[in-house]
Amino acid sequence: MSSESDSVAAAQSSALRRALIRVGLIGAGLVVPFLVVELTMVAFDLGGSPNAESWKTRGIHRADPDLIYSLRPGAASTWKFKQFDQVVQINSLGLRDREVGPKVAGELRVLVLGDSMTFGHGVRDEETWPNQLEKILSGNSGKKVDVINAAVKGYGTDHQYKFFRDRLVSLKPDILVLAVYGNDLVDNISHPLFTLDQEGLLVALDAAEDAMYTEAKLHEALPGMLSNSRLGRALIPVFSGLVARDALSFQEKPEARDSFTWAGRKARVAIYRLFELSKQHDFEFLVLGLPVKGWENHSYWWLDPVIKDGIRVVNLDKSADWRGQIASLFFAGDRHFSKTGNLWMAERAADSLRPLLK
C-alpha cells in the first residue's frame, strides 16, 4: 500500500514538474520577444521613454470612475525632472495638503480648486501658492486661516466643478476660489465629464468610458515592467482609445472654433453652478484667472459673461507686472510657476481675497 502511494506521489510530482517546465517555457517564449521589441524601441528611440512622467496613471494618481482619475489618498511620491525633484504627499481626502480636521470656531476656511498651476507642479508642498496664501492671510488678518489645496493636475472646469459638488462641499468653506487656467478648455474637450443639452444645461457623461480611465486601470492592473516599458506606453493608450466610448463630435475636431465654444460654454455653466452652491451653502465665491505663459493672444474670453452677471472674477493674466518677471516667476522651458512665482501668485491671491475676509 505504501509503495502504491509513493508511486502516485511520484507521478504527481513528475506531472507538476512538467507543468512548471511548460509554464517556464511559455514565459520564456513571451519574455524573449518582448525584450527584443523593447530593446529595438530603445535603440531607435520609439515609443514613450520609461523615465517619462506618467502622472495620470501611476504614483499618486488612481483611476476614478466618477472623475476619470483623482489623487490617491495617503500616497507619497517623488518625481524627478531635469529642473527639480518634486516631493508630494497626499492626505486621506485625496488632496495635496495636510490633514483637514473639523472646522473650529473662529477659523476661516478657504478652498482652492485648480489644475497643475495651483497643485504646485515643480515645487514642494509648503511652496505651493495655496500654502503660501495661508501664511499671508493668517499673518495679516489675525485669524486662524486654513487654505485647502484641492487642485489636481490636468483638471478642467468640468472636473473641478464635479469634484467640489460631489466630494468637497461638505468641508464647508467660507470662501471658494476657482483658479482657472488657459488650457482648462482643452481639458474640457479632451476628457469631458459633461456635455450640453439643447437648453444649455450640463449633462453628465460616464467617466468610466473615457479612454484615460481605461488607461489608468490598465496601468494599475499590469506588472510595472510592462506598463512602464516603451512597448507598454505605446500600446496602452492605443488599446484604451479603442475600447473607450465613441468620441463626441467636439472631440473629433479639438482645435476647431466650435469645440472651444462648446468647452467655454460648459466652463461658464460650471461657474454658475458653483455660484449657486455658494448661495445655497453660504460661502463666498471668487474666480481667479491665472497668468498664461507662452500663449500669444490668449484671453479668458469665456469669463466675460460671468463678469457681466456679477460673479467676482479677478483676471491676473491682465496684470502688467508678471510679464516683466517671466524668467523668475516660471521655470525655464515650462509654463508652471517656480517657487518665486508661487509666492507672487499667493500675494496676488491675498490681495484679491481681502475684501471677502470676515
Protein backbone atom coordinates (compact mmCIF):
# COMPACT_ATOMS: atom_id res chain seq x y z
CA MET A 1 0.00 0.00 0.00
CA SER A 2 2.80 2.31 0.89
CA SER A 3 4.57 1.51 -2.37
CA GLU A 4 1.41 2.33 -4.32
CA SER A 5 1.05 5.68 -2.50
CA ASP A 6 4.69 6.50 -3.20
CA SER A 7 4.16 5.76 -6.88
CA VAL A 8 1.12 8.06 -7.02
CA ALA A 9 3.03 10.83 -5.22
CA ALA A 10 5.99 10.42 -7.55
CA ALA A 11 3.71 10.59 -10.59
CA GLN A 12 2.02 13.73 -9.28
CA SER A 13 5.37 15.34 -8.56
CA SER A 14 6.59 14.49 -12.03
CA ALA A 15 3.43 15.94 -13.59
CA LEU A 16 3.85 19.12 -11.54
CA ARG A 17 7.46 19.46 -12.69
CA ARG A 18 6.42 19.01 -16.32
CA ALA A 19 3.68 21.66 -15.90
CA LEU A 20 6.11 24.11 -14.33
CA ILE A 21 8.60 23.49 -17.13
CA ARG A 22 5.88 24.17 -19.73
CA VAL A 23 4.87 27.38 -17.94
CA GLY A 24 8.51 28.41 -17.79
CA LEU A 25 9.00 27.72 -21.47
CA ILE A 26 5.87 29.68 -22.37
CA GLY A 27 7.03 32.54 -20.15
CA ALA A 28 10.46 32.49 -21.74
CA GLY A 29 8.81 32.38 -25.15
CA LEU A 30 6.93 35.58 -24.30
CA VAL A 31 9.76 37.35 -22.49
CA VAL A 32 12.31 36.93 -25.24
CA PRO A 33 10.18 38.57 -27.98
CA PHE A 34 9.19 41.30 -25.52
CA LEU A 35 12.84 42.05 -24.75
CA VAL A 36 13.72 42.08 -28.44
CA VAL A 37 10.92 44.56 -29.21
CA GLU A 38 11.72 46.68 -26.17
CA LEU A 39 15.44 46.89 -26.97
CA THR A 40 14.64 47.72 -30.59
CA MET A 41 12.33 50.55 -29.49
CA VAL A 42 15.02 51.88 -27.14
CA ALA A 43 17.69 51.67 -29.87
CA PHE A 44 15.56 53.63 -32.34
CA ASP A 45 14.01 55.88 -29.65
CA LEU A 46 10.48 54.69 -30.37
CA GLY A 47 7.53 54.90 -28.01
CA GLY A 48 7.42 56.64 -24.67
CA SER A 49 10.51 56.67 -22.51
CA PRO A 50 10.25 54.50 -19.37
CA ASN A 51 11.52 57.52 -17.42
CA ALA A 52 8.92 59.91 -18.81
CA GLU A 53 6.35 61.43 -16.48
CA SER A 54 3.13 59.41 -16.27
CA TRP A 55 1.26 61.40 -13.68
CA LYS A 56 -2.17 60.45 -14.95
CA THR A 57 -1.99 56.81 -14.08
CA ARG A 58 0.66 55.89 -11.54
CA GLY A 59 2.30 57.07 -8.36
CA ILE A 60 -0.06 59.44 -6.59
CA HIS A 61 -2.90 59.16 -9.11
CA ARG A 62 -5.55 56.48 -9.43
CA ALA A 63 -8.39 55.59 -11.78
CA ASP A 64 -11.64 57.15 -10.59
CA PRO A 65 -15.00 56.08 -12.10
CA ASP A 66 -16.56 59.44 -11.20
CA LEU A 67 -13.75 61.85 -12.14
CA ILE A 68 -11.71 59.72 -14.63
CA TYR A 69 -8.73 59.96 -12.26
CA SER A 70 -8.01 61.51 -8.89
CA LEU A 71 -5.27 61.72 -6.29
CA ARG A 72 -4.67 58.55 -4.28
CA PRO A 73 -5.38 59.14 -0.55
CA GLY A 74 -2.28 58.72 1.60
CA ALA A 75 0.10 58.45 -1.35
CA ALA A 76 3.59 59.95 -1.38
CA SER A 77 5.90 60.23 -4.34
CA THR A 78 8.99 61.94 -5.69
CA TRP A 79 9.12 62.79 -9.37
CA LYS A 80 12.47 63.60 -10.91
CA PHE A 81 12.65 66.20 -13.65
CA LYS A 82 15.55 67.99 -15.30
CA GLN A 83 15.00 71.19 -13.31
CA PHE A 84 13.74 69.83 -9.99
CA ASP A 85 12.72 66.89 -7.83
CA GLN A 86 9.09 67.20 -6.82
CA VAL A 87 8.15 65.67 -3.47
CA VAL A 88 4.40 65.21 -2.99
CA GLN A 89 2.30 63.99 -0.06
CA ILE A 90 -1.44 63.38 -0.41
CA ASN A 91 -3.75 63.43 2.62
CA SER A 92 -6.54 60.99 3.45
CA LEU A 93 -9.08 63.06 1.49
CA GLY A 94 -7.03 62.83 -1.69
CA LEU A 95 -5.73 66.41 -1.53
CA ARG A 96 -2.20 67.79 -1.65
CA ASP A 97 -2.44 69.29 1.80
CA ARG A 98 -2.06 68.38 5.42
CA GLU A 99 -4.95 66.53 7.03
CA VAL A 100 -8.16 68.55 7.18
CA GLY A 101 -9.68 68.39 10.64
CA PRO A 102 -13.08 69.52 11.89
CA LYS A 103 -13.69 73.21 11.43
CA VAL A 104 -13.07 75.09 14.68
CA ALA A 105 -14.77 78.20 15.98
CA GLY A 106 -13.29 81.38 14.53
CA GLU A 107 -11.49 79.57 11.73
CA LEU A 108 -11.67 81.00 8.21
CA ARG A 109 -11.59 78.19 5.66
CA VAL A 110 -10.61 78.85 2.04
CA LEU A 111 -10.81 76.03 -0.50
CA VAL A 112 -8.96 76.36 -3.82
CA LEU A 113 -9.83 74.41 -6.97
CA GLY A 114 -7.44 74.30 -9.91
CA ASP A 115 -5.05 72.33 -12.07
CA SER A 116 -1.27 71.79 -12.07
CA MET A 117 -0.61 75.53 -11.75
CA THR A 118 -2.36 75.50 -8.38
CA PHE A 119 -1.42 71.95 -7.40
CA GLY A 120 2.17 73.17 -7.50
CA HIS A 121 3.96 71.30 -10.26
CA GLY A 122 7.68 71.59 -9.61
CA VAL A 123 7.60 72.80 -6.00
CA ARG A 124 7.34 71.22 -2.58
CA ASP A 125 4.09 71.02 -0.63
CA GLU A 126 4.89 74.05 1.51
CA GLU A 127 5.87 76.11 -1.55
CA THR A 128 2.57 75.88 -3.45
CA TRP A 129 0.73 79.18 -3.71
CA PRO A 130 -2.30 77.99 -1.69
CA ASN A 131 0.06 77.03 1.15
CA GLN A 132 1.86 80.37 0.97
CA LEU A 133 -1.50 82.14 0.73
CA GLU A 134 -2.47 80.60 4.05
CA LYS A 135 0.62 82.08 5.72
CA ILE A 136 -0.03 85.52 4.26
CA LEU A 137 -3.71 85.62 5.25
CA SER A 138 -3.03 84.25 8.74
CA GLY A 139 -0.37 86.86 9.32
CA ASN A 140 -2.40 89.78 8.02
CA SER A 141 -5.89 89.03 9.28
CA GLY A 142 -5.09 87.94 12.81
CA LYS A 143 -7.45 84.99 12.31
CA LYS A 144 -6.82 81.29 12.01
CA VAL A 145 -6.95 80.74 8.26
CA ASP A 146 -6.92 77.31 6.66
CA VAL A 147 -6.36 77.31 2.89
CA ILE A 148 -7.08 73.88 1.43
CA ASN A 149 -5.37 72.99 -1.84
CA ALA A 150 -7.90 70.90 -3.80
CA ALA A 151 -6.18 71.25 -7.18
CA VAL A 152 -5.42 68.23 -9.35
CA LYS A 153 -3.10 68.16 -12.35
CA GLY A 154 -4.91 68.11 -15.66
CA TYR A 155 -8.37 69.01 -14.31
CA GLY A 156 -10.51 71.40 -16.34
CA THR A 157 -13.61 73.18 -15.08
CA ASP A 158 -15.68 70.02 -15.79
CA HIS A 159 -13.62 68.12 -13.22
CA GLN A 160 -13.22 70.95 -10.73
CA TYR A 161 -16.96 71.60 -10.57
CA LYS A 162 -17.88 67.93 -10.16
CA PHE A 163 -15.11 67.33 -7.62
CA PHE A 164 -16.35 70.14 -5.43
CA ARG A 165 -20.05 69.41 -5.85
CA ASP A 166 -19.79 65.70 -5.09
CA ARG A 167 -16.93 65.46 -2.57
CA LEU A 168 -15.74 68.78 -1.19
CA VAL A 169 -18.78 70.90 -0.43
CA SER A 170 -19.06 69.03 2.89
CA LEU A 171 -15.79 70.71 4.00
CA LYS A 172 -17.87 73.89 4.46
CA PRO A 173 -15.51 76.54 3.14
CA ASP A 174 -16.08 80.18 3.93
CA ILE A 175 -14.55 81.11 0.59
CA LEU A 176 -14.28 79.01 -2.56
CA VAL A 177 -11.63 80.02 -5.09
CA LEU A 178 -11.79 78.63 -8.62
CA ALA A 179 -8.33 79.14 -10.12
CA VAL A 180 -8.82 78.82 -13.88
CA TYR A 181 -6.02 78.44 -16.40
CA GLY A 182 -5.77 78.89 -20.16
CA ASN A 183 -5.85 75.18 -21.03
CA ASP A 184 -8.98 74.41 -18.99
CA LEU A 185 -11.00 74.43 -22.19
CA VAL A 186 -8.60 71.91 -23.75
CA ASP A 187 -9.11 69.61 -20.77
CA ASN A 188 -12.88 70.04 -21.08
CA ILE A 189 -12.60 68.86 -24.69
CA SER A 190 -10.04 66.08 -24.29
CA HIS A 191 -11.57 64.35 -21.27
CA PRO A 192 -15.07 65.75 -20.73
CA LEU A 193 -17.30 64.92 -17.81
CA PHE A 194 -20.23 66.87 -19.22
CA THR A 195 -21.82 67.87 -22.47
CA LEU A 196 -24.64 70.38 -23.03
CA ASP A 197 -28.25 69.75 -23.91
CA GLN A 198 -30.32 71.94 -26.23
CA GLU A 199 -31.19 74.25 -23.34
CA GLY A 200 -27.54 74.78 -22.45
CA LEU A 201 -27.65 72.66 -19.28
CA LEU A 202 -24.87 70.30 -18.24
CA VAL A 203 -25.46 66.64 -18.99
CA ALA A 204 -23.20 64.19 -17.18
CA LEU A 205 -21.06 61.73 -19.15
CA ASP A 206 -19.81 58.38 -17.83
CA ALA A 207 -16.25 58.98 -16.62
CA ALA A 208 -15.52 55.25 -16.78
CA GLU A 209 -16.00 55.32 -20.55
CA ASP A 210 -13.19 57.85 -21.05
CA ALA A 211 -10.01 56.49 -22.63
CA MET A 212 -7.86 57.89 -19.83
CA TYR A 213 -9.84 55.91 -17.25
CA THR A 214 -9.20 52.68 -19.16
CA GLU A 215 -5.54 53.64 -19.47
CA ALA A 216 -5.34 54.20 -15.73
CA LYS A 217 -6.97 50.83 -14.98
CA LEU A 218 -4.51 49.06 -17.28
CA HIS A 219 -1.53 50.71 -15.59
CA GLU A 220 -2.88 49.59 -12.23
CA ALA A 221 -3.54 46.02 -13.37
CA LEU A 222 -0.42 45.27 -15.43
CA PRO A 223 3.01 44.50 -13.96
CA GLY A 224 5.17 47.58 -13.68
CA MET A 225 7.79 46.11 -16.01
CA LEU A 226 5.21 46.02 -18.78
CA SER A 227 3.21 49.19 -18.08
CA ASN A 228 6.36 51.30 -17.72
CA SER A 229 8.11 49.82 -20.74
CA ARG A 230 8.26 51.60 -24.08
CA LEU A 231 6.10 48.91 -25.63
CA GLY A 232 3.54 49.27 -22.85
CA ARG A 233 3.49 53.05 -23.11
CA ALA A 234 2.93 52.75 -26.85
CA LEU A 235 0.20 50.10 -26.75
CA ILE A 236 -1.80 51.02 -23.64
CA PRO A 237 -3.10 54.36 -24.99
CA VAL A 238 -3.95 52.73 -28.32
CA PHE A 239 -5.95 49.95 -26.67
CA SER A 240 -7.61 52.43 -24.31
CA GLY A 241 -8.73 54.54 -27.22
CA LEU A 242 -10.20 51.51 -28.99
CA VAL A 243 -12.36 50.41 -26.05
CA ALA A 244 -13.40 53.92 -24.94
CA ARG A 245 -16.74 55.48 -25.87
CA ASP A 246 -17.13 56.93 -29.32
CA ALA A 247 -15.63 60.41 -29.40
CA LEU A 248 -18.03 63.31 -29.06
CA SER A 249 -18.29 65.40 -32.19
CA PHE A 250 -16.42 68.24 -30.49
CA GLN A 251 -13.56 65.91 -29.52
CA GLU A 252 -13.10 64.82 -33.11
CA LYS A 253 -12.08 68.37 -34.03
CA PRO A 254 -10.46 69.62 -30.79
CA GLU A 255 -8.76 72.62 -32.41
CA ALA A 256 -11.91 73.89 -34.10
CA ARG A 257 -13.69 77.04 -33.03
CA ASP A 258 -16.90 75.09 -32.38
CA SER A 259 -15.11 72.82 -29.91
CA PHE A 260 -13.69 75.73 -27.95
CA THR A 261 -17.05 77.49 -27.97
CA TRP A 262 -18.66 74.33 -26.57
CA ALA A 263 -15.94 73.97 -23.92
CA GLY A 264 -16.22 77.65 -22.97
CA ARG A 265 -19.99 77.39 -22.60
CA LYS A 266 -19.52 74.38 -20.34
CA ALA A 267 -16.99 76.30 -18.25
CA ARG A 268 -19.40 79.19 -17.79
CA VAL A 269 -22.23 76.88 -16.76
CA ALA A 270 -19.92 75.18 -14.24
CA ILE A 271 -19.05 78.59 -12.78
CA TYR A 272 -22.73 79.49 -12.49
CA ARG A 273 -23.41 76.18 -10.74
CA LEU A 274 -20.60 76.85 -8.26
CA PHE A 275 -22.01 80.31 -7.69
CA GLU A 276 -25.43 78.78 -6.97
CA LEU A 277 -23.81 76.39 -4.49
CA SER A 278 -22.20 79.37 -2.77
CA LYS A 279 -25.67 80.81 -2.20
CA GLN A 280 -27.11 77.51 -1.01
CA HIS A 281 -24.27 76.83 1.44
CA ASP A 282 -23.46 80.41 2.40
CA PHE A 283 -19.87 80.84 1.26
CA GLU A 284 -18.13 83.48 -0.83
CA PHE A 285 -17.06 82.63 -4.36
CA LEU A 286 -14.16 84.04 -6.38
CA VAL A 287 -12.79 83.14 -9.81
CA LEU A 288 -9.08 83.79 -10.37
CA GLY A 289 -7.66 83.83 -13.90
CA LEU A 290 -4.01 82.75 -13.68
CA PRO A 291 -1.26 84.20 -15.91
CA VAL A 292 -0.67 82.18 -19.07
CA LYS A 293 2.93 81.99 -20.25
CA GLY A 294 3.87 81.34 -23.86
CA TRP A 295 0.40 81.51 -25.42
CA GLU A 296 0.19 84.51 -27.70
CA ASN A 297 -3.16 86.26 -27.98
CA HIS A 298 -4.56 84.25 -25.08
CA SER A 299 -7.60 85.67 -23.35
CA TYR A 300 -10.20 84.45 -20.90
CA TRP A 301 -12.98 85.38 -23.32
CA TRP A 302 -15.26 82.79 -21.77
CA LEU A 303 -15.30 84.68 -18.47
CA ASP A 304 -16.82 87.87 -19.91
CA PRO A 305 -20.50 86.85 -19.49
CA VAL A 306 -19.73 85.68 -15.94
CA ILE A 307 -18.29 89.08 -15.06
CA LYS A 308 -21.29 90.86 -16.57
CA ASP A 309 -23.60 88.77 -14.38
CA GLY A 310 -21.85 89.98 -11.22
CA ILE A 311 -19.76 86.97 -10.27
CA ARG A 312 -16.45 88.05 -8.75
CA VAL A 313 -13.60 87.50 -11.22
CA VAL A 314 -10.00 88.69 -10.92
CA ASN A 315 -8.07 88.17 -14.14
CA LEU A 316 -4.40 88.16 -13.16
CA ASP A 317 -3.43 87.39 -16.74
CA LYS A 318 -4.14 91.07 -17.44
CA SER A 319 -1.78 92.14 -14.68
CA ALA A 320 1.15 94.08 -16.12
CA ASP A 321 3.82 93.19 -13.60
CA TRP A 322 4.17 89.44 -14.23
CA ARG A 323 5.18 89.79 -17.89
CA GLY A 324 8.39 91.58 -16.95
CA GLN A 325 9.32 88.82 -14.47
CA ILE A 326 8.77 85.69 -16.55
CA ALA A 327 12.33 84.43 -16.05
CA SER A 328 11.92 84.35 -12.27
CA LEU A 329 8.21 83.51 -11.97
CA PHE A 330 8.22 80.47 -14.26
CA PHE A 331 10.52 77.51 -14.82
CA ALA A 332 12.68 77.81 -17.91
CA GLY A 333 11.07 75.93 -20.79
CA ASP A 334 7.98 75.24 -18.69
CA ARG A 335 4.72 77.08 -18.16
CA HIS A 336 4.46 76.37 -14.43
CA PHE A 337 5.22 78.73 -11.54
CA SER A 338 8.62 78.47 -9.89
CA LYS A 339 8.88 78.84 -6.12
CA THR A 340 9.13 82.60 -6.66
CA GLY A 341 6.16 82.51 -8.99
CA ASN A 342 4.08 80.65 -6.41
CA LEU A 343 4.86 83.38 -3.89
CA TRP A 344 3.90 86.05 -6.44
CA MET A 345 0.63 84.23 -7.06
CA ALA A 346 -0.06 83.90 -3.33
CA GLU A 347 0.42 87.62 -2.80
CA ARG A 348 -1.94 88.49 -5.68
CA ALA A 349 -4.49 85.98 -4.44
CA ALA A 350 -4.30 87.51 -0.96
CA ASP A 351 -4.97 90.98 -2.40
CA SER A 352 -7.99 89.57 -4.26
CA LEU A 353 -9.37 87.80 -1.19
CA ARG A 354 -9.02 90.57 1.39
CA PRO A 355 -12.35 92.20 0.51
CA LEU A 356 -14.03 88.85 1.26
CA LEU A 357 -12.43 88.25 4.65
CA LYS A 358 -14.89 88.41 7.51
